[in-house]
Amino acid sequence: MFKLNMRRFTSITLGVVTSAVFFSCSNDNSMERDSDEARLPYSLQSNAKASLLPIEMNSWMSGLQDNISISKISIPGTHDSGARKDAPVVSGTAKTQDLSIAEQLNAGVRFLDIRCRHIDNSFTIHHGAIYQNLNFDDVLTACYAFLESHPSETIIMSVKEEHDPSNNSRTFEKTFDSYVQKNPLKWNLGTNVPTLGELRGKIKLLRRFSAETAKGINATSWADNTTFEINNAGAALKVQDYYKVTNNDDKWNGISGLLNEARNDSSNRLFINFTSGYKPGIFGIPSIPTVSNNINPRLKTFFQNNTKGTFGVMPVDFVNAELSELIVKTNF
């Protein structure tokens, strides 16, 4: 366990190439130049000689230009983002995070995996049967406050129904709609993979629940415990979600394979690479740390050695500020 000091954010530095580099480039390199420039903030577009620009983890997206697709950004995320409470008696079976939602966002996380139980026409946050002493209103309050304070940022939010519904008079979709209607300007419910400029200050829905109307990026055809593609008219996804981990090497091979595929992809496909999972133990009891304690150090080493590139969205168990920062740095 570690403590995140909310008053200190590790600054990362954006190195800006000098004008001499631009002038020495031939026309054949113009496409590469344009791609690099698209990652610069507007303030630097007209001044290639700009000196170092510090970027804090709570506002790192301010260093990216509006017209970059979210599919071309390396995004730290969390799996089961609200799961900070373990199952009674048997530890390691439900808790997936040490940081609160607000702490995750301030540490650079921009993808949240929110699991909602539908009960009494409202949403509570669960991991399986375990109530996390958190409600959807609490999640949204943290997200809205963060976006209000950091309007350059966006949050991609996966919303999925979890555990058994109870005592409802309407569908999961209708209850979700009731939450959005309280603050509709903070949501982007488009079905496509948009640019960052379209999303600044908003939550982008990745929908893992059925709906009667088009609503967010449709990920309802989610396959179980594997790597798969979803190809919609407005959005193409590739997802690695091998979570019943019998061998950590196999899990890592799936993660690293998709990281490399995302880096080499030239389309607008959104890559979502779950680094999370659990390993069945005695009597089949799942152990989440058995996977995260092995995989997270490998992720750290990977990004220490691969410092630039587009690697997609990475939902992590027990994310920390150091790992989040390494992922963010690849964008600059």
C-alpha atoms as a PDB file:
ATOM      1  CA  MET A   1       0.000   0.000   0.000  1.00  0.00           C
ATOM      2  CA  PHE A   2       1.252   3.492  -0.629  1.00  0.00           C
ATOM      3  CA  LYS A   3       0.125   7.019   0.060  1.00  0.00           C
ATOM      4  CA  LEU A   4      -0.408   9.589  -2.657  1.00  0.00           C
ATOM      5  CA  ASN A   5       0.425  13.116  -1.515  1.00  0.00           C
ATOM      6  CA  MET A   6      -2.326  15.137  -3.198  1.00  0.00           C
ATOM      7  CA  ARG A   7      -0.284  18.334  -2.844  1.00  0.00           C
ATOM      8  CA  ARG A   8       2.538  17.065  -4.982  1.00  0.00           C
ATOM      9  CA  PHE A   9       2.181  16.104  -8.617  1.00  0.00           C
ATOM     10  CA  THR A  10       5.206  14.894 -10.472  1.00  0.00           C
ATOM     11  CA  SER A  11       5.766  17.191 -13.376  1.00  0.00           C
ATOM     12  CA  ILE A  12       6.741  15.766 -16.699  1.00  0.00           C
ATOM     13  CA  THR A  13       8.551  17.755 -19.305  1.00  0.00           C
ATOM     14  CA  LEU A  14       7.610  18.238 -22.931  1.00  0.00           C
ATOM     15  CA  GLY A  15      10.734  18.635 -25.045  1.00  0.00           C
ATOM     16  CA  VAL A  16      10.013  20.854 -28.020  1.00  0.00           C
ATOM     17  CA  VAL A  17      12.200  20.547 -31.113  1.00  0.00           C
ATOM     18  CA  THR A  18      13.977  23.686 -32.288  1.00  0.00           C
ATOM     19  CA  SER A  19      13.238  25.489 -35.517  1.00  0.00           C
ATOM     20  CA  ALA A  20      16.557  24.299 -36.919  1.00  0.00           C
ATOM     21  CA  VAL A  21      15.252  20.765 -36.925  1.00  0.00           C
ATOM     22  CA  PHE A  22      12.181  21.829 -38.872  1.00  0.00           C
ATOM     23  CA  PHE A  23      14.187  23.733 -41.444  1.00  0.00           C
ATOM     24  CA  SER A  24      16.569  20.827 -41.975  1.00  0.00           C
ATOM     25  CA  CYS A  25      13.733  18.398 -42.739  1.00  0.00           C
ATOM     26  CA  SER A  26      12.960  17.559 -46.334  1.00  0.00           C
ATOM     27  CA  ASN A  27       9.456  17.570 -47.839  1.00  0.00           C
ATOM     28  CA  ASP A  28       9.493  13.798 -47.613  1.00  0.00           C
ATOM     29  CA  ASN A  29       9.309  14.125 -43.842  1.00  0.00           C
ATOM     30  CA  SER A  30       6.368  16.533 -43.783  1.00  0.00           C
ATOM     31  CA  MET A  31       3.827  13.887 -42.798  1.00  0.00           C
ATOM     32  CA  GLU A  32       5.936  12.834 -39.820  1.00  0.00           C
ATOM     33  CA  ARG A  33       6.348  16.495 -38.874  1.00  0.00           C
ATOM     34  CA  ASP A  34       2.603  17.070 -39.006  1.00  0.00           C
ATOM     35  CA  SER A  35       1.975  14.032 -36.812  1.00  0.00           C
ATOM     36  CA  ASP A  36       4.437  15.283 -34.201  1.00  0.00           C
ATOM     37  CA  GLU A  37       2.974  18.784 -34.326  1.00  0.00           C
ATOM     38  CA  ALA A  38      -0.521  17.446 -33.723  1.00  0.00           C
ATOM     39  CA  ARG A  39       0.653  16.426 -30.264  1.00  0.00           C
ATOM     40  CA  LEU A  40       1.734  19.958 -29.383  1.00  0.00           C
ATOM     41  CA  PRO A  41      -0.617  22.374 -27.639  1.00  0.00           C
ATOM     42  CA  TYR A  42      -1.920  25.284 -29.658  1.00  0.00           C
ATOM     43  CA  SER A  43       0.366  27.687 -27.822  1.00  0.00           C
ATOM     44  CA  LEU A  44       3.422  25.911 -29.242  1.00  0.00           C
ATOM     45  CA  GLN A  45       2.249  25.510 -32.829  1.00  0.00           C
ATOM     46  CA  SER A  46       3.595  28.906 -33.881  1.00  0.00           C
ATOM     47  CA  ASN A  47       6.743  28.788 -31.755  1.00  0.00           C
ATOM     48  CA  ALA A  48       8.956  25.805 -32.389  1.00  0.00           C
ATOM     49  CA  LYS A  49      11.635  27.402 -30.207  1.00  0.00           C
ATOM     50  CA  ALA A  50       9.469  27.326 -27.095  1.00  0.00           C
ATOM     51  CA  SER A  51      11.372  26.174 -24.045  1.00  0.00           C
ATOM     52  CA  LEU A  52      10.390  23.412 -21.677  1.00  0.00           C
ATOM     53  CA  LEU A  53       6.720  23.161 -20.781  1.00  0.00           C
ATOM     54  CA  PRO A  54       5.964  21.526 -17.425  1.00  0.00           C
ATOM     55  CA  ILE A  55       2.879  19.322 -17.382  1.00  0.00           C
ATOM     56  CA  GLU A  56       1.273  18.177 -14.164  1.00  0.00           C
ATOM     57  CA  MET A  57      -0.463  14.841 -13.905  1.00  0.00           C
ATOM     58  CA  ASN A  58      -3.812  16.409 -13.036  1.00  0.00           C
ATOM     59  CA  SER A  59      -3.820  18.341 -16.329  1.00  0.00           C
ATOM     60  CA  TRP A  60      -1.565  16.424 -18.688  1.00  0.00           C
ATOM     61  CA  MET A  61      -4.052  16.453 -21.556  1.00  0.00           C
ATOM     62  CA  SER A  62      -3.572  20.234 -21.774  1.00  0.00           C
ATOM     63  CA  GLY A  63      -0.325  19.412 -23.579  1.00  0.00           C
ATOM     64  CA  LEU A  64      -2.132  17.670 -26.453  1.00  0.00           C
ATOM     65  CA  GLN A  65      -3.795  19.380 -29.404  1.00  0.00           C
ATOM     66  CA  ASP A  66      -7.566  19.284 -29.884  1.00  0.00           C
ATOM     67  CA  ASN A  67      -7.486  17.386 -33.177  1.00  0.00           C
ATOM     68  CA  ILE A  68      -5.777  14.260 -31.871  1.00  0.00           C
ATOM     69  CA  SER A  69      -8.073  11.216 -31.702  1.00  0.00           C
ATOM     70  CA  ILE A  70      -8.416   9.601 -28.302  1.00  0.00           C
ATOM     71  CA  SER A  71      -7.351   6.396 -30.051  1.00  0.00           C
ATOM     72  CA  LYS A  72      -3.905   7.968 -30.526  1.00  0.00           C
ATOM     73  CA  ILE A  73      -3.319   8.767 -26.872  1.00  0.00           C
ATOM     74  CA  SER A  74      -1.723   6.470 -24.299  1.00  0.00           C
ATOM     75  CA  ILE A  75      -4.227   6.577 -21.432  1.00  0.00           C
ATOM     76  CA  PRO A  76      -3.722   5.196 -17.924  1.00  0.00           C
ATOM     77  CA  GLY A  77      -6.892   3.643 -16.529  1.00  0.00           C
ATOM     78  CA  THR A  78      -8.191   1.547 -13.683  1.00  0.00           C
ATOM     79  CA  HIS A  79     -10.051  -1.759 -13.655  1.00  0.00           C
ATOM     80  CA  ASP A  80     -12.996  -1.911 -11.236  1.00  0.00           C
ATOM     81  CA  SER A  81     -12.179   1.682 -10.378  1.00  0.00           C
ATOM     82  CA  GLY A  82     -14.434   1.880  -7.328  1.00  0.00           C
ATOM     83  CA  ALA A  83     -13.363  -1.398  -5.708  1.00  0.00           C
ATOM     84  CA  ARG A  84     -11.440  -0.411  -2.575  1.00  0.00           C
ATOM     85  CA  LYS A  85     -13.210  -2.804  -0.176  1.00  0.00           C
ATOM     86  CA  ASP A  86     -12.265  -6.459   0.043  1.00  0.00           C
ATOM     87  CA  ALA A  87     -14.498  -9.402   0.681  1.00  0.00           C
ATOM     88  CA  PRO A  88     -14.975 -10.273   4.344  1.00  0.00           C
ATOM     89  CA  VAL A  89     -12.745 -13.021   5.761  1.00  0.00           C
ATOM     90  CA  VAL A  90     -10.898 -13.781   2.493  1.00  0.00           C
ATOM     91  CA  SER A  91      -8.661 -10.939   1.334  1.00  0.00           C
ATOM     92  CA  GLY A  92      -7.466 -10.367  -2.212  1.00  0.00           C
ATOM     93  CA  THR A  93     -10.755 -11.334  -3.838  1.00  0.00           C
ATOM     94  CA  ALA A  94     -12.581  -8.015  -4.413  1.00  0.00           C
ATOM     95  CA  LYS A  95     -10.335  -5.016  -3.789  1.00  0.00           C
ATOM     96  CA  THR A  96      -8.599  -3.743  -6.931  1.00  0.00           C
ATOM     97  CA  GLN A  97      -7.564  -0.173  -6.060  1.00  0.00           C
ATOM     98  CA  ASP A  98      -5.884   1.745  -3.256  1.00  0.00           C
ATOM     99  CA  LEU A  99      -6.728   5.211  -4.590  1.00  0.00           C
ATOM    100  CA  SER A 100     -10.127   6.888  -4.517  1.00  0.00           C
ATOM    101  CA  ILE A 101     -11.710   8.064  -7.774  1.00  0.00           C
ATOM    102  CA  ALA A 102     -10.549  11.639  -7.104  1.00  0.00           C
ATOM    103  CA  GLU A 103      -7.017  10.452  -6.307  1.00  0.00           C
ATOM    104  CA  GLN A 104      -6.905   8.351  -9.477  1.00  0.00           C
ATOM    105  CA  LEU A 105      -7.897  11.323 -11.624  1.00  0.00           C
ATOM    106  CA  ASN A 106      -5.327  13.584  -9.989  1.00  0.00           C
ATOM    107  CA  ALA A 107      -2.678  10.893 -10.562  1.00  0.00           C
ATOM    108  CA  GLY A 108      -3.347  10.989 -14.325  1.00  0.00           C
ATOM    109  CA  VAL A 109      -5.931   8.220 -14.767  1.00  0.00           C
ATOM    110  CA  ARG A 110      -8.399   9.058 -17.553  1.00  0.00           C
ATOM    111  CA  PHE A 111     -10.280   5.759 -18.004  1.00  0.00           C
ATOM    112  CA  LEU A 112     -12.652   4.550 -15.292  1.00  0.00           C
ATOM    113  CA  ASP A 113     -14.274   1.112 -15.161  1.00  0.00           C
ATOM    114  CA  ILE A 114     -17.482   1.612 -13.181  1.00  0.00           C
ATOM    115  CA  ARG A 115     -19.537  -1.435 -12.133  1.00  0.00           C
ATOM    116  CA  CYS A 116     -23.085  -0.576 -11.018  1.00  0.00           C
ATOM    117  CA  ARG A 117     -25.652  -2.672  -9.212  1.00  0.00           C
ATOM    118  CA  HIS A 118     -29.199  -1.594 -10.144  1.00  0.00           C
ATOM    119  CA  ILE A 119     -31.154  -1.356  -6.897  1.00  0.00           C
ATOM    120  CA  ASP A 120     -34.164   0.790  -5.938  1.00  0.00           C
ATOM    121  CA  ASN A 121     -33.947   2.623  -9.279  1.00  0.00           C
ATOM    122  CA  SER A 122     -30.425   3.792  -8.472  1.00  0.00           C
ATOM    123  CA  PHE A 123     -26.826   2.574  -8.854  1.00  0.00           C
ATOM    124  CA  THR A 124     -24.501   1.323  -6.151  1.00  0.00           C
ATOM    125  CA  ILE A 125     -20.896   0.395  -6.887  1.00  0.00           C
ATOM    126  CA  HIS A 126     -20.076  -3.297  -6.607  1.00  0.00           C
ATOM    127  CA  HIS A 127     -17.339  -5.750  -7.397  1.00  0.00           C
ATOM    128  CA  GLY A 128     -19.352  -8.893  -7.839  1.00  0.00           C
ATOM    129  CA  ALA A 129     -21.472  -9.323  -4.722  1.00  0.00           C
ATOM    130  CA  ILE A 130     -19.309  -6.971  -2.638  1.00  0.00           C
ATOM    131  CA  TYR A 131     -20.782  -3.507  -2.103  1.00  0.00           C
ATOM    132  CA  GLN A 132     -17.998  -0.936  -2.161  1.00  0.00           C
ATOM    133  CA  ASN A 133     -19.589   1.609   0.195  1.00  0.00           C
ATOM    134  CA  LEU A 134     -19.805   3.883  -2.815  1.00  0.00           C
ATOM    135  CA  ASN A 135     -22.674   4.977  -5.034  1.00  0.00           C
ATOM    136  CA  PHE A 136     -22.778   6.222  -8.624  1.00  0.00           C
ATOM    137  CA  ASP A 137     -23.576   9.713  -7.350  1.00  0.00           C
ATOM    138  CA  ASP A 138     -20.278   9.656  -5.435  1.00  0.00           C
ATOM    139  CA  VAL A 139     -18.393   8.675  -8.594  1.00  0.00           C
ATOM    140  CA  LEU A 140     -20.041  11.413 -10.642  1.00  0.00           C
ATOM    141  CA  THR A 141     -19.497  14.045  -7.968  1.00  0.00           C
ATOM    142  CA  ALA A 142     -15.762  13.294  -8.042  1.00  0.00           C
ATOM    143  CA  CYS A 143     -15.663  13.316 -11.851  1.00  0.00           C
ATOM    144  CA  TYR A 144     -17.650  16.531 -12.240  1.00  0.00           C
ATOM    145  CA  ALA A 145     -15.530  18.331  -9.653  1.00  0.00           C
ATOM    146  CA  PHE A 146     -12.334  17.191 -11.358  1.00  0.00           C
ATOM    147  CA  LEU A 147     -13.486  18.266 -14.823  1.00  0.00           C
ATOM    148  CA  GLU A 148     -14.705  21.597 -13.494  1.00  0.00           C
ATOM    149  CA  SER A 149     -11.262  22.264 -12.049  1.00  0.00           C
ATOM    150  CA  HIS A 150      -9.415  20.812 -15.055  1.00  0.00           C
ATOM    151  CA  PRO A 151     -11.429  21.635 -18.209  1.00  0.00           C
ATOM    152  CA  SER A 152      -8.595  20.520 -20.498  1.00  0.00           C
ATOM    153  CA  GLU A 153      -9.127  16.906 -19.422  1.00  0.00           C
ATOM    154  CA  THR A 154     -11.604  14.177 -20.318  1.00  0.00           C
ATOM    155  CA  ILE A 155     -12.700  10.937 -18.674  1.00  0.00           C
ATOM    156  CA  ILE A 156     -13.614   7.806 -20.626  1.00  0.00           C
ATOM    157  CA  MET A 157     -16.070   5.909 -18.450  1.00  0.00           C
ATOM    158  CA  SER A 158     -17.016   2.297 -18.999  1.00  0.00           C
ATOM    159  CA  VAL A 159     -20.377   1.601 -17.345  1.00  0.00           C
ATOM    160  CA  LYS A 160     -21.404  -2.017 -16.768  1.00  0.00           C
ATOM    161  CA  GLU A 161     -24.198  -3.663 -14.789  1.00  0.00           C
ATOM    162  CA  GLU A 162     -22.868  -5.703 -11.867  1.00  0.00           C
ATOM    163  CA  HIS A 163     -24.436  -8.246  -9.498  1.00  0.00           C
ATOM    164  CA  ASP A 164     -28.179  -8.864  -9.159  1.00  0.00           C
ATOM    165  CA  PRO A 165     -30.758  -6.117  -9.736  1.00  0.00           C
ATOM    166  CA  SER A 166     -33.279  -5.542  -6.965  1.00  0.00           C
ATOM    167  CA  ASN A 167     -36.550  -3.645  -6.510  1.00  0.00           C
ATOM    168  CA  ASN A 168     -36.519  -1.619  -9.741  1.00  0.00           C
ATOM    169  CA  SER A 169     -39.435  -0.239 -11.727  1.00  0.00           C
ATOM    170  CA  ARG A 170     -37.407   0.719 -14.797  1.00  0.00           C
ATOM    171  CA  THR A 171     -34.542  -0.538 -16.928  1.00  0.00           C
ATOM    172  CA  PHE A 172     -30.845  -0.073 -16.199  1.00  0.00           C
ATOM    173  CA  GLU A 173     -30.705   2.266 -19.210  1.00  0.00           C
ATOM    174  CA  LYS A 174     -33.496   4.485 -17.879  1.00  0.00           C
ATOM    175  CA  THR A 175     -31.793   4.790 -14.514  1.00  0.00           C
ATOM    176  CA  PHE A 176     -28.517   5.668 -16.232  1.00  0.00           C
ATOM    177  CA  ASP A 177     -30.373   8.313 -18.253  1.00  0.00           C
ATOM    178  CA  SER A 178     -31.719   9.827 -15.033  1.00  0.00           C
ATOM    179  CA  TYR A 179     -28.168  10.407 -13.811  1.00  0.00           C
ATOM    180  CA  VAL A 180     -27.064  12.000 -17.086  1.00  0.00           C
ATOM    181  CA  GLN A 181     -30.106  14.290 -17.145  1.00  0.00           C
ATOM    182  CA  LYS A 182     -28.920  15.922 -13.926  1.00  0.00           C
ATOM    183  CA  ASN A 183     -25.824  17.265 -15.707  1.00  0.00           C
ATOM    184  CA  PRO A 184     -26.100  16.580 -19.453  1.00  0.00           C
ATOM    185  CA  LEU A 185     -23.439  19.107 -20.509  1.00  0.00           C
ATOM    186  CA  LYS A 186     -20.797  16.993 -18.769  1.00  0.00           C
ATOM    187  CA  TRP A 187     -21.437  13.978 -20.992  1.00  0.00           C
ATOM    188  CA  ASN A 188     -20.529  12.996 -24.548  1.00  0.00           C
ATOM    189  CA  LEU A 189     -22.876  10.198 -25.635  1.00  0.00           C
ATOM    190  CA  GLY A 190     -21.787  10.061 -29.274  1.00  0.00           C
ATOM    191  CA  THR A 191     -21.213   6.637 -30.781  1.00  0.00           C
ATOM    192  CA  ASN A 192     -17.888   7.389 -32.465  1.00  0.00           C
ATOM    193  CA  VAL A 193     -14.248   7.498 -31.366  1.00  0.00           C
ATOM    194  CA  PRO A 194     -13.852  11.286 -31.121  1.00  0.00           C
ATOM    195  CA  THR A 195     -11.026  13.770 -30.929  1.00  0.00           C
ATOM    196  CA  LEU A 196      -9.807  15.143 -27.642  1.00  0.00           C
ATOM    197  CA  GLY A 197     -11.181  18.558 -28.527  1.00  0.00           C
ATOM    198  CA  GLU A 198     -14.709  17.150 -28.633  1.00  0.00           C
ATOM    199  CA  LEU A 199     -14.306  15.696 -25.143  1.00  0.00           C
ATOM    200  CA  ARG A 200     -12.499  18.277 -23.055  1.00  0.00           C
ATOM    201  CA  GLY A 201     -14.362  18.859 -19.816  1.00  0.00           C
ATOM    202  CA  LYS A 202     -16.680  15.887 -20.442  1.00  0.00           C
ATOM    203  CA  ILE A 203     -17.190  12.210 -19.709  1.00  0.00           C
ATOM    204  CA  LYS A 204     -17.168   9.913 -22.740  1.00  0.00           C
ATOM    205  CA  LEU A 205     -19.417   6.879 -22.278  1.00  0.00           C
ATOM    206  CA  LEU A 206     -18.192   3.402 -23.199  1.00  0.00           C
ATOM    207  CA  ARG A 207     -21.437   1.460 -22.860  1.00  0.00           C
ATOM    208  CA  ARG A 208     -21.408  -2.135 -21.655  1.00  0.00           C
ATOM    209  CA  PHE A 209     -25.157  -2.281 -20.928  1.00  0.00           C
ATOM    210  CA  SER A 210     -28.005  -2.808 -23.374  1.00  0.00           C
ATOM    211  CA  ALA A 211     -29.912   0.232 -24.591  1.00  0.00           C
ATOM    212  CA  GLU A 212     -32.908   0.958 -26.780  1.00  0.00           C
ATOM    213  CA  THR A 213     -31.314   4.087 -28.246  1.00  0.00           C
ATOM    214  CA  ALA A 214     -27.815   4.842 -29.533  1.00  0.00           C
ATOM    215  CA  LYS A 215     -25.791   5.915 -26.544  1.00  0.00           C
ATOM    216  CA  GLY A 216     -22.008   6.129 -26.232  1.00  0.00           C
ATOM    217  CA  ILE A 217     -19.492   3.749 -27.785  1.00  0.00           C
ATOM    218  CA  ASN A 218     -21.349   0.454 -27.996  1.00  0.00           C
ATOM    219  CA  ALA A 219     -19.312  -2.281 -26.287  1.00  0.00           C
ATOM    220  CA  THR A 220     -22.168  -4.631 -25.462  1.00  0.00           C
ATOM    221  CA  SER A 221     -20.734  -7.481 -27.530  1.00  0.00           C
ATOM    222  CA  TRP A 222     -17.926  -7.866 -24.983  1.00  0.00           C
ATOM    223  CA  ALA A 223     -16.340 -11.311 -25.194  1.00  0.00           C
ATOM    224  CA  ASP A 224     -15.402 -13.198 -22.032  1.00  0.00           C
ATOM    225  CA  ASN A 225     -11.847 -13.786 -20.846  1.00  0.00           C
ATOM    226  CA  THR A 226     -10.076 -13.241 -24.153  1.00  0.00           C
ATOM    227  CA  THR A 227      -8.794 -10.761 -26.739  1.00  0.00           C
ATOM    228  CA  PHE A 228     -11.432  -9.655 -29.225  1.00  0.00           C
ATOM    229  CA  GLU A 229     -12.602  -6.971 -31.647  1.00  0.00           C
ATOM    230  CA  ILE A 230     -15.818  -4.943 -31.770  1.00  0.00           C
ATOM    231  CA  ASN A 231     -16.557  -3.230 -35.077  1.00  0.00           C
ATOM    232  CA  ASN A 232     -19.418  -0.737 -35.016  1.00  0.00           C
ATOM    233  CA  ALA A 233     -20.316   1.794 -37.679  1.00  0.00           C
ATOM    234  CA  GLY A 234     -18.895   4.630 -35.599  1.00  0.00           C
ATOM    235  CA  ALA A 235     -16.256   2.907 -33.519  1.00  0.00           C
ATOM    236  CA  ALA A 236     -13.820   0.029 -33.848  1.00  0.00           C
ATOM    237  CA  LEU A 237     -12.346  -1.490 -30.682  1.00  0.00           C
ATOM    238  CA  LYS A 238      -9.790  -4.120 -29.857  1.00  0.00           C
ATOM    239  CA  VAL A 239      -9.808  -5.348 -26.275  1.00  0.00           C
ATOM    240  CA  GLN A 240      -7.571  -7.642 -24.241  1.00  0.00           C
ATOM    241  CA  ASP A 241      -9.517  -8.815 -21.167  1.00  0.00           C
ATOM    242  CA  TYR A 242      -7.960 -12.141 -20.191  1.00  0.00           C
ATOM    243  CA  TYR A 243      -8.818 -12.025 -16.490  1.00  0.00           C
ATOM    244  CA  LYS A 244      -8.918 -15.667 -15.313  1.00  0.00           C
ATOM    245  CA  VAL A 245      -5.149 -15.903 -15.229  1.00  0.00           C
ATOM    246  CA  THR A 246      -3.683 -19.357 -14.830  1.00  0.00           C
ATOM    247  CA  ASN A 247      -0.201 -18.223 -15.882  1.00  0.00           C
ATOM    248  CA  ASN A 248       1.188 -14.692 -15.502  1.00  0.00           C
ATOM    249  CA  ASP A 249       3.486 -15.160 -18.497  1.00  0.00           C
ATOM    250  CA  ASP A 250       0.465 -15.833 -20.690  1.00  0.00           C
ATOM    251  CA  LYS A 251      -1.219 -12.719 -19.308  1.00  0.00           C
ATOM    252  CA  TRP A 252       1.848 -10.625 -20.003  1.00  0.00           C
ATOM    253  CA  ASN A 253       2.110 -11.984 -23.537  1.00  0.00           C
ATOM    254  CA  GLY A 254      -1.461 -10.833 -24.169  1.00  0.00           C
ATOM    255  CA  ILE A 255      -0.753  -7.384 -22.730  1.00  0.00           C
ATOM    256  CA  SER A 256       2.540  -6.825 -24.540  1.00  0.00           C
ATOM    257  CA  GLY A 257       1.121  -8.138 -27.810  1.00  0.00           C
ATOM    258  CA  LEU A 258      -1.676  -5.571 -27.768  1.00  0.00           C
ATOM    259  CA  LEU A 259       0.673  -2.779 -26.664  1.00  0.00           C
ATOM    260  CA  ASN A 260       2.817  -3.404 -29.723  1.00  0.00           C
ATOM    261  CA  GLU A 261      -0.193  -3.727 -31.995  1.00  0.00           C
ATOM    262  CA  ALA A 262      -1.565  -0.395 -30.760  1.00  0.00           C
ATOM    263  CA  ARG A 263       1.799   1.275 -31.321  1.00  0.00           C
ATOM    264  CA  ASN A 264       1.925   0.098 -34.936  1.00  0.00           C
ATOM    265  CA  ASP A 265      -1.737   0.704 -35.804  1.00  0.00           C
ATOM    266  CA  SER A 266      -2.548   3.506 -38.252  1.00  0.00           C
ATOM    267  CA  SER A 267      -6.355   3.320 -38.057  1.00  0.00           C
ATOM    268  CA  ASN A 268      -8.721   5.000 -35.599  1.00  0.00           C
ATOM    269  CA  ARG A 269      -9.248   1.762 -33.656  1.00  0.00           C
ATOM    270  CA  LEU A 270      -9.439   2.209 -29.890  1.00  0.00           C
ATOM    271  CA  PHE A 271      -7.265  -0.314 -28.040  1.00  0.00           C
ATOM    272  CA  ILE A 272      -8.275  -1.223 -24.475  1.00  0.00           C
ATOM    273  CA  ASN A 273      -5.717  -3.421 -22.739  1.00  0.00           C
ATOM    274  CA  PHE A 274      -6.751  -4.736 -19.306  1.00  0.00           C
ATOM    275  CA  THR A 275      -3.584  -5.455 -17.355  1.00  0.00           C
ATOM    276  CA  SER A 276      -5.770  -6.760 -14.517  1.00  0.00           C
ATOM    277  CA  GLY A 277      -6.828 -10.265 -13.596  1.00  0.00           C
ATOM    278  CA  TYR A 278      -6.997 -12.841 -10.846  1.00  0.00           C
ATOM    279  CA  LYS A 279      -5.343 -16.199 -10.308  1.00  0.00           C
ATOM    280  CA  PRO A 280      -7.437 -19.060  -8.917  1.00  0.00           C
ATOM    281  CA  GLY A 281      -5.961 -20.307  -5.661  1.00  0.00           C
ATOM    282  CA  ILE A 282      -6.909 -23.031  -3.192  1.00  0.00           C
ATOM    283  CA  PHE A 283     -10.485 -24.211  -3.723  1.00  0.00           C
ATOM    284  CA  GLY A 284     -10.650 -21.831  -6.705  1.00  0.00           C
ATOM    285  CA  ILE A 285     -10.618 -18.720  -4.488  1.00  0.00           C
ATOM    286  CA  PRO A 286      -9.416 -15.833  -6.679  1.00  0.00           C
ATOM    287  CA  SER A 287      -6.328 -13.821  -5.789  1.00  0.00           C
ATOM    288  CA  ILE A 288      -6.092 -10.421  -7.476  1.00  0.00           C
ATOM    289  CA  PRO A 289      -2.685  -9.348  -6.043  1.00  0.00           C
ATOM    290  CA  THR A 290      -1.086 -12.567  -7.324  1.00  0.00           C
ATOM    291  CA  VAL A 291      -1.528 -11.112 -10.800  1.00  0.00           C
ATOM    292  CA  SER A 292      -1.018  -7.392 -10.141  1.00  0.00           C
ATOM    293  CA  ASN A 293       2.128  -7.930  -8.050  1.00  0.00           C
ATOM    294  CA  ASN A 294       3.662  -9.726 -11.027  1.00  0.00           C
ATOM    295  CA  ILE A 295       2.269  -7.687 -13.932  1.00  0.00           C
ATOM    296  CA  ASN A 296       2.639  -4.129 -12.622  1.00  0.00           C
ATOM    297  CA  PRO A 297       6.450  -4.325 -12.318  1.00  0.00           C
ATOM    298  CA  ARG A 298       6.579  -5.652 -15.886  1.00  0.00           C
ATOM    299  CA  LEU A 299       4.475  -2.690 -17.039  1.00  0.00           C
ATOM    300  CA  LYS A 300       6.831  -0.327 -15.267  1.00  0.00           C
ATOM    301  CA  THR A 301       9.842  -1.882 -16.970  1.00  0.00           C
ATOM    302  CA  PHE A 302       8.102  -1.833 -20.361  1.00  0.00           C
ATOM    303  CA  PHE A 303       7.394   1.891 -20.190  1.00  0.00           C
ATOM    304  CA  GLN A 304      10.837   2.675 -18.844  1.00  0.00           C
ATOM    305  CA  ASN A 305      12.150   1.087 -22.057  1.00  0.00           C
ATOM    306  CA  ASN A 306       9.406   2.305 -24.422  1.00  0.00           C
ATOM    307  CA  THR A 307       9.180   5.997 -23.684  1.00  0.00           C
ATOM    308  CA  LYS A 308       7.331   7.201 -26.786  1.00  0.00           C
ATOM    309  CA  GLY A 309       4.414   5.883 -28.814  1.00  0.00           C
ATOM    310  CA  THR A 310       0.682   5.295 -28.846  1.00  0.00           C
ATOM    311  CA  PHE A 311      -0.250   2.369 -26.614  1.00  0.00           C
ATOM    312  CA  GLY A 312      -4.011   2.728 -26.096  1.00  0.00           C
ATOM    313  CA  VAL A 313      -6.020   2.574 -22.884  1.00  0.00           C
ATOM    314  CA  MET A 314      -4.599   0.503 -20.030  1.00  0.00           C
ATOM    315  CA  PRO A 315      -6.951  -0.319 -17.122  1.00  0.00           C
ATOM    316  CA  VAL A 316      -4.688  -1.349 -14.229  1.00  0.00           C
ATOM    317  CA  ASP A 317      -5.245  -2.923 -10.817  1.00  0.00           C
ATOM    318  CA  PHE A 318      -3.655  -0.973  -7.944  1.00  0.00           C
ATOM    319  CA  VAL A 319      -2.477   1.863 -10.150  1.00  0.00           C
ATOM    320  CA  ASN A 320       0.011   4.281  -8.625  1.00  0.00           C
ATOM    321  CA  ALA A 321       1.282   7.710  -9.595  1.00  0.00           C
ATOM    322  CA  GLU A 322       4.627   6.383 -10.836  1.00  0.00           C
ATOM    323  CA  LEU A 323       3.131   3.900 -13.293  1.00  0.00           C
ATOM    324  CA  SER A 324       0.518   6.389 -14.452  1.00  0.00           C
ATOM    325  CA  GLU A 325       3.216   8.956 -15.142  1.00  0.00           C
ATOM    326  CA  LEU A 326       5.298   6.507 -17.184  1.00  0.00           C
ATOM    327  CA  ILE A 327       2.279   5.821 -19.405  1.00  0.00           C
ATOM    328  CA  VAL A 328       1.443   9.516 -19.774  1.00  0.00           C
ATOM    329  CA  LYS A 329       5.027  10.388 -20.741  1.00  0.00           C
ATOM    330  CA  THR A 330       4.784   8.289 -23.889  1.00  0.00           C
ATOM    331  CA  ASN A 331       2.483  10.940 -25.364  1.00  0.00           C
ATOM    332  CA  PHE A 332       5.227  13.570 -25.316  1.00  0.00           C
END
